[in-house]
Amino acid sequence: MAHQGQTIFNPRTGQRMEFLEISEEELRFASIIPPAPPEPMHIHPKQVSGARVSSGELVFEVDGEERRVGPGESIEIPAGVKHRFRNEGDEDVVSEQYFRPALDIASFFETFFALAQRDELDEKGMPNTLQLVAIVPEFGDEIRPVSPPWPVLQALSAVLGPVARMRGYEPRLQASSDHEAAA
């Protein structure tokens, strides 16, 4: 289970995330984001999310608009708005990010980073279908991919969820800590 002070690592993107505050009201974390492929387009249906960049520049795609956020700048993304971000630069980006309310997004990140550590994400950063349908009911309030459409994912989860569980797919996974992942 995710906890304050924990640092997790995503070997697919090289991102490091340290959980600074985990409360009902807010998840706040420090993040180091190297140049890497963008994350999948997604929404947070019940959470406002945001970032403040300390160094480097992040490119956010928010509801079809591109916005560059550099040192000292911030962005806030309303709940339910499709978005993603990427680092197009040559250096790591250092930022502090948040989600309000926190819900269980820290556990989602831990699960997602664990999948990356197991090399179980495709080139677009998505898990295979059975793993995805295991995760969907667990974290649907926190995060939803834009594609496939949410009603399709819910239907697939209802039909394939029992098969996924029978085949050992877990909805929650524990990521190795930062120092364990680097070893």
N, C-alpha and C. Protein backbone atom coordinates (compact mmCIF):
# COMPACT_ATOMS: atom_id res chain seq x y z
N MET A 1 0.84 -1.19 0.00
CA MET A 1 0.00 0.00 0.00
C MET A 1 0.88 1.25 0.00
N ALA A 2 0.53 2.20 -0.83
CA ALA A 2 1.28 3.44 -0.95
C ALA A 2 1.30 4.18 0.39
N HIS A 3 2.43 4.81 0.70
CA HIS A 3 2.54 5.56 1.95
C HIS A 3 3.40 6.82 1.77
N GLN A 4 3.14 7.77 2.64
CA GLN A 4 3.87 9.03 2.60
C GLN A 4 5.37 8.76 2.77
N GLY A 5 6.18 9.44 1.98
CA GLY A 5 7.63 9.25 2.02
C GLY A 5 8.13 8.18 1.05
N GLN A 6 7.22 7.37 0.52
CA GLN A 6 7.60 6.31 -0.41
C GLN A 6 8.01 6.92 -1.76
N THR A 7 9.04 6.35 -2.38
CA THR A 7 9.45 6.75 -3.72
C THR A 7 9.32 5.54 -4.62
N ILE A 8 8.64 5.72 -5.76
CA ILE A 8 8.48 4.63 -6.73
C ILE A 8 9.09 5.05 -8.06
N PHE A 9 9.39 4.05 -8.88
CA PHE A 9 10.13 4.27 -10.12
C PHE A 9 9.44 3.54 -11.26
N ASN A 10 9.32 4.22 -12.41
CA ASN A 10 8.74 3.63 -13.62
C ASN A 10 9.87 3.45 -14.63
N PRO A 11 10.36 2.21 -14.82
CA PRO A 11 11.48 2.01 -15.75
C PRO A 11 11.12 2.25 -17.21
N ARG A 12 9.85 2.20 -17.56
CA ARG A 12 9.44 2.46 -18.95
C ARG A 12 9.70 3.91 -19.32
N THR A 13 9.34 4.82 -18.41
CA THR A 13 9.49 6.25 -18.68
C THR A 13 10.66 6.88 -17.94
N GLY A 14 11.18 6.19 -16.92
CA GLY A 14 12.24 6.74 -16.09
C GLY A 14 11.73 7.68 -15.00
N GLN A 15 10.42 7.82 -14.88
CA GLN A 15 9.84 8.74 -13.91
C GLN A 15 10.03 8.22 -12.48
N ARG A 16 10.38 9.13 -11.58
CA ARG A 16 10.45 8.85 -10.16
C ARG A 16 9.41 9.72 -9.47
N MET A 17 8.73 9.14 -8.49
CA MET A 17 7.66 9.83 -7.80
C MET A 17 7.82 9.59 -6.30
N GLU A 18 7.90 10.68 -5.52
CA GLU A 18 7.97 10.57 -4.07
C GLU A 18 6.68 11.14 -3.49
N PHE A 19 5.96 10.31 -2.74
CA PHE A 19 4.71 10.75 -2.12
C PHE A 19 5.02 11.65 -0.94
N LEU A 20 4.68 12.93 -1.07
CA LEU A 20 4.95 13.92 -0.03
C LEU A 20 3.82 14.00 0.99
N GLU A 21 2.59 13.90 0.51
CA GLU A 21 1.42 13.97 1.40
C GLU A 21 0.33 13.07 0.84
N ILE A 22 -0.19 12.23 1.69
CA ILE A 22 -1.34 11.40 1.33
C ILE A 22 -2.38 11.60 2.42
N SER A 23 -3.46 12.28 2.06
CA SER A 23 -4.58 12.48 2.99
C SER A 23 -5.87 12.31 2.19
N GLU A 24 -7.00 12.35 2.84
CA GLU A 24 -8.27 12.26 2.11
C GLU A 24 -8.42 13.42 1.14
N GLU A 25 -7.95 14.59 1.55
CA GLU A 25 -8.12 15.80 0.75
C GLU A 25 -7.18 15.86 -0.44
N GLU A 26 -5.94 15.33 -0.28
CA GLU A 26 -4.95 15.59 -1.32
C GLU A 26 -3.86 14.52 -1.35
N LEU A 27 -3.44 14.19 -2.57
CA LEU A 27 -2.17 13.48 -2.78
C LEU A 27 -1.25 14.51 -3.40
N ARG A 28 -0.09 14.68 -2.79
CA ARG A 28 0.92 15.59 -3.32
C ARG A 28 2.21 14.80 -3.44
N PHE A 29 2.89 14.93 -4.59
CA PHE A 29 4.13 14.19 -4.80
C PHE A 29 5.12 14.99 -5.62
N ALA A 30 6.40 14.72 -5.35
CA ALA A 30 7.49 15.28 -6.14
C ALA A 30 7.75 14.29 -7.26
N SER A 31 8.05 14.81 -8.44
CA SER A 31 8.24 13.94 -9.59
C SER A 31 9.42 14.41 -10.41
N ILE A 32 10.24 13.45 -10.83
CA ILE A 32 11.32 13.69 -11.77
C ILE A 32 10.95 12.94 -13.04
N ILE A 33 10.84 13.68 -14.15
CA ILE A 33 10.35 13.12 -15.40
C ILE A 33 11.38 13.33 -16.50
N PRO A 34 12.07 12.25 -16.90
CA PRO A 34 13.04 12.40 -18.00
C PRO A 34 12.31 12.48 -19.35
N PRO A 35 13.04 12.86 -20.40
CA PRO A 35 12.43 12.78 -21.73
C PRO A 35 12.00 11.34 -21.99
N ALA A 36 10.75 11.17 -22.40
CA ALA A 36 10.19 9.82 -22.59
C ALA A 36 8.92 9.93 -23.42
N PRO A 37 8.42 8.79 -23.89
CA PRO A 37 7.14 8.82 -24.61
C PRO A 37 6.04 9.37 -23.70
N PRO A 38 5.01 9.99 -24.27
CA PRO A 38 3.93 10.52 -23.43
C PRO A 38 3.14 9.39 -22.80
N GLU A 39 2.52 9.71 -21.68
CA GLU A 39 1.61 8.76 -21.04
C GLU A 39 0.35 8.67 -21.88
N PRO A 40 -0.47 7.64 -21.69
CA PRO A 40 -1.73 7.56 -22.45
C PRO A 40 -2.69 8.71 -22.09
N MET A 41 -3.48 9.14 -23.05
CA MET A 41 -4.51 10.15 -22.81
C MET A 41 -5.49 9.55 -21.81
N HIS A 42 -5.91 10.36 -20.82
CA HIS A 42 -6.78 9.85 -19.76
C HIS A 42 -7.57 11.00 -19.12
N ILE A 43 -8.48 10.62 -18.23
CA ILE A 43 -9.21 11.60 -17.41
C ILE A 43 -9.17 11.13 -15.96
N HIS A 44 -9.35 12.08 -15.07
CA HIS A 44 -9.58 11.81 -13.65
C HIS A 44 -11.01 12.30 -13.40
N PRO A 45 -11.99 11.38 -13.39
CA PRO A 45 -13.38 11.81 -13.39
C PRO A 45 -13.83 12.57 -12.14
N LYS A 46 -13.17 12.35 -11.00
CA LYS A 46 -13.63 12.97 -9.75
C LYS A 46 -12.54 13.78 -9.06
N GLN A 47 -11.45 14.06 -9.78
CA GLN A 47 -10.32 14.75 -9.15
C GLN A 47 -9.81 15.90 -10.01
N VAL A 48 -9.45 16.97 -9.34
CA VAL A 48 -8.69 18.05 -9.95
C VAL A 48 -7.23 17.65 -9.83
N SER A 49 -6.46 17.85 -10.88
CA SER A 49 -5.03 17.55 -10.81
C SER A 49 -4.25 18.78 -11.24
N GLY A 50 -3.01 18.83 -10.79
CA GLY A 50 -2.20 19.98 -11.16
C GLY A 50 -0.74 19.72 -10.96
N ALA A 51 0.07 20.63 -11.50
CA ALA A 51 1.52 20.51 -11.41
C ALA A 51 2.14 21.90 -11.35
N ARG A 52 3.25 21.99 -10.62
CA ARG A 52 4.09 23.18 -10.61
C ARG A 52 5.50 22.71 -10.97
N VAL A 53 6.06 23.27 -12.03
CA VAL A 53 7.36 22.85 -12.53
C VAL A 53 8.45 23.67 -11.85
N SER A 54 9.49 22.99 -11.35
CA SER A 54 10.65 23.66 -10.74
C SER A 54 11.77 23.85 -11.75
N SER A 55 12.01 22.82 -12.58
CA SER A 55 13.03 22.94 -13.62
C SER A 55 12.63 22.11 -14.82
N GLY A 56 13.07 22.54 -15.99
CA GLY A 56 12.68 21.89 -17.23
C GLY A 56 11.33 22.40 -17.71
N GLU A 57 10.74 21.68 -18.65
CA GLU A 57 9.45 22.09 -19.22
C GLU A 57 8.62 20.86 -19.55
N LEU A 58 7.37 20.86 -19.10
CA LEU A 58 6.42 19.81 -19.46
C LEU A 58 5.44 20.36 -20.50
N VAL A 59 5.11 19.50 -21.46
CA VAL A 59 4.11 19.85 -22.46
C VAL A 59 2.85 19.09 -22.09
N PHE A 60 1.79 19.83 -21.76
CA PHE A 60 0.50 19.24 -21.42
C PHE A 60 -0.43 19.34 -22.61
N GLU A 61 -1.10 18.25 -22.92
CA GLU A 61 -2.21 18.26 -23.88
C GLU A 61 -3.47 18.17 -23.03
N VAL A 62 -4.27 19.23 -23.04
CA VAL A 62 -5.47 19.29 -22.21
C VAL A 62 -6.65 19.61 -23.11
N ASP A 63 -7.53 18.63 -23.26
CA ASP A 63 -8.74 18.77 -24.06
C ASP A 63 -8.45 19.34 -25.45
N GLY A 64 -7.39 18.79 -26.09
CA GLY A 64 -7.06 19.18 -27.45
C GLY A 64 -6.16 20.40 -27.58
N GLU A 65 -5.87 21.07 -26.47
CA GLU A 65 -4.99 22.24 -26.49
C GLU A 65 -3.63 21.87 -25.89
N GLU A 66 -2.56 22.39 -26.47
CA GLU A 66 -1.22 22.14 -25.95
C GLU A 66 -0.76 23.34 -25.13
N ARG A 67 -0.18 23.04 -23.96
CA ARG A 67 0.33 24.12 -23.10
C ARG A 67 1.69 23.71 -22.55
N ARG A 68 2.65 24.60 -22.68
CA ARG A 68 3.99 24.36 -22.14
C ARG A 68 4.08 25.01 -20.76
N VAL A 69 4.58 24.22 -19.79
CA VAL A 69 4.68 24.70 -18.41
C VAL A 69 6.15 24.61 -18.00
N GLY A 70 6.76 25.80 -17.77
CA GLY A 70 8.18 25.86 -17.45
C GLY A 70 8.43 26.20 -16.00
N PRO A 71 9.68 26.45 -15.64
CA PRO A 71 10.06 26.72 -14.26
C PRO A 71 9.24 27.85 -13.64
N GLY A 72 8.70 27.58 -12.45
CA GLY A 72 7.89 28.56 -11.73
C GLY A 72 6.45 28.63 -12.20
N GLU A 73 6.09 27.89 -13.23
CA GLU A 73 4.73 27.92 -13.76
C GLU A 73 3.93 26.72 -13.26
N SER A 74 2.61 26.90 -13.27
CA SER A 74 1.69 25.85 -12.80
C SER A 74 0.59 25.62 -13.80
N ILE A 75 -0.05 24.48 -13.65
CA ILE A 75 -1.24 24.15 -14.43
C ILE A 75 -2.20 23.42 -13.51
N GLU A 76 -3.48 23.66 -13.70
CA GLU A 76 -4.52 22.91 -12.98
C GLU A 76 -5.50 22.37 -14.01
N ILE A 77 -5.84 21.10 -13.86
CA ILE A 77 -6.72 20.44 -14.82
C ILE A 77 -8.00 20.03 -14.09
N PRO A 78 -9.14 20.53 -14.53
CA PRO A 78 -10.40 20.19 -13.87
C PRO A 78 -10.72 18.69 -13.98
N ALA A 79 -11.51 18.20 -13.07
CA ALA A 79 -11.97 16.80 -13.11
C ALA A 79 -12.70 16.55 -14.43
N GLY A 80 -12.49 15.36 -14.98
CA GLY A 80 -13.22 14.94 -16.18
C GLY A 80 -12.68 15.45 -17.50
N VAL A 81 -11.55 16.16 -17.49
CA VAL A 81 -10.98 16.72 -18.73
C VAL A 81 -9.85 15.81 -19.22
N LYS A 82 -9.91 15.41 -20.50
CA LYS A 82 -8.88 14.51 -21.03
C LYS A 82 -7.56 15.27 -21.16
N HIS A 83 -6.49 14.54 -20.80
CA HIS A 83 -5.17 15.17 -20.81
C HIS A 83 -4.06 14.12 -20.75
N ARG A 84 -2.86 14.59 -20.97
CA ARG A 84 -1.62 13.85 -20.75
C ARG A 84 -0.49 14.86 -20.80
N PHE A 85 0.71 14.42 -20.43
CA PHE A 85 1.86 15.31 -20.49
C PHE A 85 3.08 14.53 -20.97
N ARG A 86 4.09 15.31 -21.37
CA ARG A 86 5.34 14.71 -21.81
C ARG A 86 6.47 15.71 -21.60
N ASN A 87 7.67 15.18 -21.58
CA ASN A 87 8.88 15.99 -21.51
C ASN A 87 9.55 15.88 -22.86
N GLU A 88 9.56 16.96 -23.63
CA GLU A 88 10.19 16.98 -24.95
C GLU A 88 11.63 17.47 -24.90
N GLY A 89 12.09 17.91 -23.71
CA GLY A 89 13.42 18.51 -23.60
C GLY A 89 14.53 17.47 -23.54
N ASP A 90 15.73 17.97 -23.25
CA ASP A 90 16.91 17.12 -23.14
C ASP A 90 17.26 16.82 -21.69
N GLU A 91 16.58 17.47 -20.76
CA GLU A 91 16.89 17.31 -19.34
C GLU A 91 15.66 16.82 -18.58
N ASP A 92 15.91 16.28 -17.39
CA ASP A 92 14.80 15.86 -16.54
C ASP A 92 13.98 17.08 -16.12
N VAL A 93 12.69 16.87 -15.97
CA VAL A 93 11.81 17.90 -15.43
C VAL A 93 11.56 17.55 -13.97
N VAL A 94 11.67 18.55 -13.12
CA VAL A 94 11.36 18.39 -11.70
C VAL A 94 10.07 19.16 -11.44
N SER A 95 9.09 18.48 -10.85
CA SER A 95 7.81 19.13 -10.58
C SER A 95 7.21 18.60 -9.30
N GLU A 96 6.25 19.34 -8.80
CA GLU A 96 5.42 18.87 -7.70
C GLU A 96 4.00 18.80 -8.26
N GLN A 97 3.35 17.68 -8.06
CA GLN A 97 2.02 17.48 -8.61
C GLN A 97 1.04 17.12 -7.50
N TYR A 98 -0.25 17.28 -7.79
CA TYR A 98 -1.26 16.99 -6.77
C TYR A 98 -2.55 16.47 -7.41
N PHE A 99 -3.35 15.84 -6.58
CA PHE A 99 -4.71 15.40 -6.91
C PHE A 99 -5.60 15.75 -5.73
N ARG A 100 -6.76 16.35 -6.02
CA ARG A 100 -7.74 16.72 -4.98
C ARG A 100 -9.12 16.31 -5.42
N PRO A 101 -9.83 15.53 -4.62
CA PRO A 101 -9.38 14.80 -3.44
C PRO A 101 -8.43 13.68 -3.84
N ALA A 102 -7.75 13.10 -2.87
CA ALA A 102 -6.75 12.07 -3.17
C ALA A 102 -7.39 10.78 -3.67
N LEU A 103 -8.57 10.45 -3.14
CA LEU A 103 -9.18 9.14 -3.40
C LEU A 103 -8.10 8.08 -3.22
N ASP A 104 -7.92 7.17 -4.18
CA ASP A 104 -6.90 6.13 -4.05
C ASP A 104 -5.91 6.18 -5.21
N ILE A 105 -5.63 7.39 -5.70
CA ILE A 105 -4.76 7.54 -6.86
C ILE A 105 -3.32 7.11 -6.56
N ALA A 106 -2.86 7.23 -5.31
CA ALA A 106 -1.50 6.78 -4.97
C ALA A 106 -1.38 5.27 -5.21
N SER A 107 -2.39 4.50 -4.86
CA SER A 107 -2.36 3.05 -5.10
C SER A 107 -2.41 2.74 -6.59
N PHE A 108 -3.13 3.56 -7.36
CA PHE A 108 -3.11 3.37 -8.82
C PHE A 108 -1.69 3.56 -9.34
N PHE A 109 -1.02 4.65 -8.94
CA PHE A 109 0.34 4.89 -9.42
C PHE A 109 1.26 3.74 -9.03
N GLU A 110 1.11 3.26 -7.82
CA GLU A 110 1.95 2.14 -7.38
C GLU A 110 1.70 0.91 -8.26
N THR A 111 0.43 0.62 -8.57
CA THR A 111 0.09 -0.51 -9.44
C THR A 111 0.65 -0.30 -10.84
N PHE A 112 0.48 0.89 -11.39
CA PHE A 112 0.94 1.19 -12.74
C PHE A 112 2.46 1.10 -12.84
N PHE A 113 3.17 1.64 -11.84
CA PHE A 113 4.63 1.56 -11.85
C PHE A 113 5.09 0.11 -11.67
N ALA A 114 4.37 -0.68 -10.88
CA ALA A 114 4.70 -2.11 -10.72
C ALA A 114 4.57 -2.83 -12.06
N LEU A 115 3.53 -2.52 -12.83
CA LEU A 115 3.38 -3.12 -14.16
C LEU A 115 4.56 -2.73 -15.06
N ALA A 116 5.00 -1.48 -14.98
CA ALA A 116 6.16 -1.05 -15.76
C ALA A 116 7.41 -1.81 -15.30
N GLN A 117 7.56 -2.00 -13.98
CA GLN A 117 8.72 -2.72 -13.46
C GLN A 117 8.72 -4.17 -13.92
N ARG A 118 7.55 -4.73 -14.13
CA ARG A 118 7.43 -6.12 -14.62
C ARG A 118 7.49 -6.19 -16.15
N ASP A 119 7.66 -5.05 -16.80
CA ASP A 119 7.66 -4.95 -18.26
C ASP A 119 6.34 -5.45 -18.85
N GLU A 120 5.23 -5.05 -18.20
CA GLU A 120 3.90 -5.49 -18.62
C GLU A 120 3.05 -4.35 -19.18
N LEU A 121 3.71 -3.33 -19.74
CA LEU A 121 3.02 -2.24 -20.43
C LEU A 121 3.48 -2.25 -21.89
N ASP A 122 2.56 -1.96 -22.80
CA ASP A 122 2.93 -1.94 -24.22
C ASP A 122 3.65 -0.64 -24.57
N GLU A 123 3.97 -0.46 -25.85
CA GLU A 123 4.70 0.73 -26.29
C GLU A 123 3.93 2.03 -26.06
N LYS A 124 2.62 1.93 -25.89
CA LYS A 124 1.81 3.12 -25.60
C LYS A 124 1.61 3.32 -24.11
N GLY A 125 2.17 2.42 -23.29
CA GLY A 125 2.06 2.55 -21.84
C GLY A 125 0.82 1.91 -21.26
N MET A 126 0.18 1.01 -22.01
CA MET A 126 -1.05 0.37 -21.53
C MET A 126 -0.79 -1.10 -21.19
N PRO A 127 -1.48 -1.61 -20.15
CA PRO A 127 -1.37 -3.04 -19.84
C PRO A 127 -2.16 -3.87 -20.83
N ASN A 128 -1.93 -5.20 -20.82
CA ASN A 128 -2.71 -6.06 -21.71
C ASN A 128 -4.18 -6.04 -21.28
N THR A 129 -5.04 -6.56 -22.13
CA THR A 129 -6.49 -6.47 -21.91
C THR A 129 -6.92 -7.09 -20.58
N LEU A 130 -6.42 -8.27 -20.25
CA LEU A 130 -6.85 -8.90 -19.00
C LEU A 130 -6.39 -8.11 -17.77
N GLN A 131 -5.18 -7.56 -17.81
CA GLN A 131 -4.73 -6.73 -16.69
C GLN A 131 -5.55 -5.46 -16.61
N LEU A 132 -5.86 -4.86 -17.75
CA LEU A 132 -6.66 -3.64 -17.78
C LEU A 132 -8.04 -3.88 -17.18
N VAL A 133 -8.70 -4.99 -17.55
CA VAL A 133 -10.05 -5.23 -17.01
C VAL A 133 -10.00 -5.59 -15.53
N ALA A 134 -8.86 -6.04 -15.03
CA ALA A 134 -8.72 -6.27 -13.59
C ALA A 134 -8.61 -4.93 -12.84
N ILE A 135 -7.97 -3.95 -13.47
CA ILE A 135 -7.75 -2.64 -12.84
C ILE A 135 -8.97 -1.73 -12.91
N VAL A 136 -9.71 -1.80 -14.02
CA VAL A 136 -10.81 -0.85 -14.29
C VAL A 136 -11.78 -0.69 -13.11
N PRO A 137 -12.34 -1.78 -12.56
CA PRO A 137 -13.30 -1.57 -11.46
C PRO A 137 -12.63 -1.04 -10.19
N GLU A 138 -11.36 -1.29 -10.03
CA GLU A 138 -10.64 -0.89 -8.82
C GLU A 138 -10.36 0.62 -8.78
N PHE A 139 -10.03 1.21 -9.94
CA PHE A 139 -9.58 2.60 -9.97
C PHE A 139 -10.40 3.49 -10.90
N GLY A 140 -11.63 3.11 -11.22
CA GLY A 140 -12.47 3.88 -12.13
C GLY A 140 -12.83 5.26 -11.62
N ASP A 141 -12.84 5.47 -10.30
CA ASP A 141 -13.10 6.81 -9.77
C ASP A 141 -11.88 7.71 -9.89
N GLU A 142 -10.68 7.09 -9.95
CA GLU A 142 -9.44 7.85 -9.98
C GLU A 142 -8.98 8.19 -11.40
N ILE A 143 -9.03 7.21 -12.28
CA ILE A 143 -8.44 7.42 -13.61
C ILE A 143 -9.12 6.52 -14.62
N ARG A 144 -9.29 7.04 -15.83
CA ARG A 144 -9.88 6.28 -16.92
C ARG A 144 -9.16 6.61 -18.22
N PRO A 145 -8.71 5.59 -18.95
CA PRO A 145 -8.16 5.89 -20.27
C PRO A 145 -9.26 6.42 -21.18
N VAL A 146 -8.88 7.20 -22.16
CA VAL A 146 -9.85 7.75 -23.11
C VAL A 146 -10.20 6.70 -24.16
N SER A 147 -9.24 5.82 -24.44
CA SER A 147 -9.46 4.78 -25.44
C SER A 147 -8.98 3.45 -24.88
N PRO A 148 -9.79 2.41 -24.96
CA PRO A 148 -11.15 2.37 -25.49
C PRO A 148 -12.12 3.17 -24.61
N PRO A 149 -13.28 3.53 -25.17
CA PRO A 149 -14.24 4.35 -24.42
C PRO A 149 -14.66 3.65 -23.10
N TRP A 150 -14.92 4.47 -22.08
CA TRP A 150 -15.25 3.96 -20.75
C TRP A 150 -16.39 2.94 -20.74
N PRO A 151 -17.52 3.15 -21.43
CA PRO A 151 -18.58 2.12 -21.41
C PRO A 151 -18.10 0.77 -21.98
N VAL A 152 -17.22 0.83 -22.97
CA VAL A 152 -16.67 -0.41 -23.54
C VAL A 152 -15.79 -1.10 -22.49
N LEU A 153 -14.95 -0.32 -21.81
CA LEU A 153 -14.09 -0.90 -20.77
C LEU A 153 -14.90 -1.50 -19.63
N GLN A 154 -15.97 -0.83 -19.24
CA GLN A 154 -16.83 -1.37 -18.18
C GLN A 154 -17.46 -2.69 -18.61
N ALA A 155 -17.94 -2.75 -19.84
CA ALA A 155 -18.54 -3.99 -20.34
C ALA A 155 -17.49 -5.10 -20.42
N LEU A 156 -16.31 -4.78 -20.94
CA LEU A 156 -15.23 -5.77 -21.00
C LEU A 156 -14.85 -6.25 -19.61
N SER A 157 -14.82 -5.34 -18.64
CA SER A 157 -14.49 -5.72 -17.26
C SER A 157 -15.53 -6.66 -16.68
N ALA A 158 -16.81 -6.40 -16.98
CA ALA A 158 -17.87 -7.26 -16.47
C ALA A 158 -17.77 -8.67 -17.05
N VAL A 159 -17.43 -8.75 -18.34
CA VAL A 159 -17.37 -10.04 -19.03
C VAL A 159 -16.04 -10.75 -18.76
N LEU A 160 -14.94 -10.01 -18.91
CA LEU A 160 -13.61 -10.63 -18.81
C LEU A 160 -12.99 -10.57 -17.42
N GLY A 161 -13.56 -9.77 -16.52
CA GLY A 161 -13.00 -9.66 -15.17
C GLY A 161 -12.86 -11.00 -14.47
N PRO A 162 -13.89 -11.84 -14.48
CA PRO A 162 -13.74 -13.16 -13.83
C PRO A 162 -12.64 -14.01 -14.47
N VAL A 163 -12.49 -13.92 -15.79
CA VAL A 163 -11.42 -14.66 -16.48
C VAL A 163 -10.06 -14.12 -16.03
N ALA A 164 -9.93 -12.80 -15.96
CA ALA A 164 -8.67 -12.18 -15.53
C ALA A 164 -8.31 -12.64 -14.12
N ARG A 165 -9.27 -12.63 -13.20
CA ARG A 165 -9.00 -13.06 -11.83
C ARG A 165 -8.62 -14.53 -11.78
N MET A 166 -9.31 -15.38 -12.58
CA MET A 166 -8.99 -16.80 -12.63
C MET A 166 -7.56 -17.02 -13.14
N ARG A 167 -7.11 -16.16 -14.01
CA ARG A 167 -5.77 -16.31 -14.59
C ARG A 167 -4.71 -15.59 -13.77
N GLY A 168 -5.10 -15.07 -12.60
CA GLY A 168 -4.13 -14.50 -11.67
C GLY A 168 -3.85 -13.02 -11.80
N TYR A 169 -4.63 -12.30 -12.59
CA TYR A 169 -4.41 -10.86 -12.71
C TYR A 169 -4.97 -10.16 -11.48
N GLU A 170 -4.15 -9.32 -10.88
CA GLU A 170 -4.51 -8.61 -9.65
C GLU A 170 -4.87 -7.16 -9.97
N PRO A 171 -5.86 -6.60 -9.27
CA PRO A 171 -6.20 -5.19 -9.51
C PRO A 171 -5.24 -4.22 -8.85
N ARG A 172 -4.48 -4.69 -7.85
CA ARG A 172 -3.53 -3.84 -7.13
C ARG A 172 -2.21 -4.57 -7.03
N LEU A 173 -1.13 -3.83 -7.30
CA LEU A 173 0.21 -4.40 -7.22
C LEU A 173 1.09 -3.44 -6.43
N GLN A 174 2.15 -3.96 -5.85
CA GLN A 174 3.10 -3.12 -5.12
C GLN A 174 4.34 -2.90 -5.97
N ALA A 175 4.68 -1.63 -6.15
CA ALA A 175 5.89 -1.29 -6.89
C ALA A 175 7.09 -1.43 -5.96
N SER A 176 8.22 -1.78 -6.52
CA SER A 176 9.46 -1.77 -5.75
C SER A 176 9.79 -0.32 -5.41
N SER A 177 10.44 -0.15 -4.27
CA SER A 177 10.85 1.20 -3.92
C SER A 177 11.92 1.66 -4.89
N ASP A 178 12.19 2.94 -4.91
CA ASP A 178 13.14 3.52 -5.85
C ASP A 178 14.50 2.84 -5.78
N HIS A 179 15.02 2.62 -4.58
CA HIS A 179 16.36 2.03 -4.48
C HIS A 179 16.36 0.56 -4.88
N GLU A 180 15.26 -0.16 -4.66
CA GLU A 180 15.17 -1.56 -5.09
C GLU A 180 15.10 -1.64 -6.61
N ALA A 181 14.36 -0.72 -7.25
CA ALA A 181 14.20 -0.75 -8.70
C ALA A 181 15.51 -0.42 -9.41
N ALA A 182 16.32 0.43 -8.80
CA ALA A 182 17.58 0.84 -9.44
C ALA A 182 18.65 -0.24 -9.31
N ALA A 183 18.49 -1.17 -8.36
CA ALA A 183 19.51 -2.21 -8.11
C ALA A 183 19.55 -3.25 -9.21
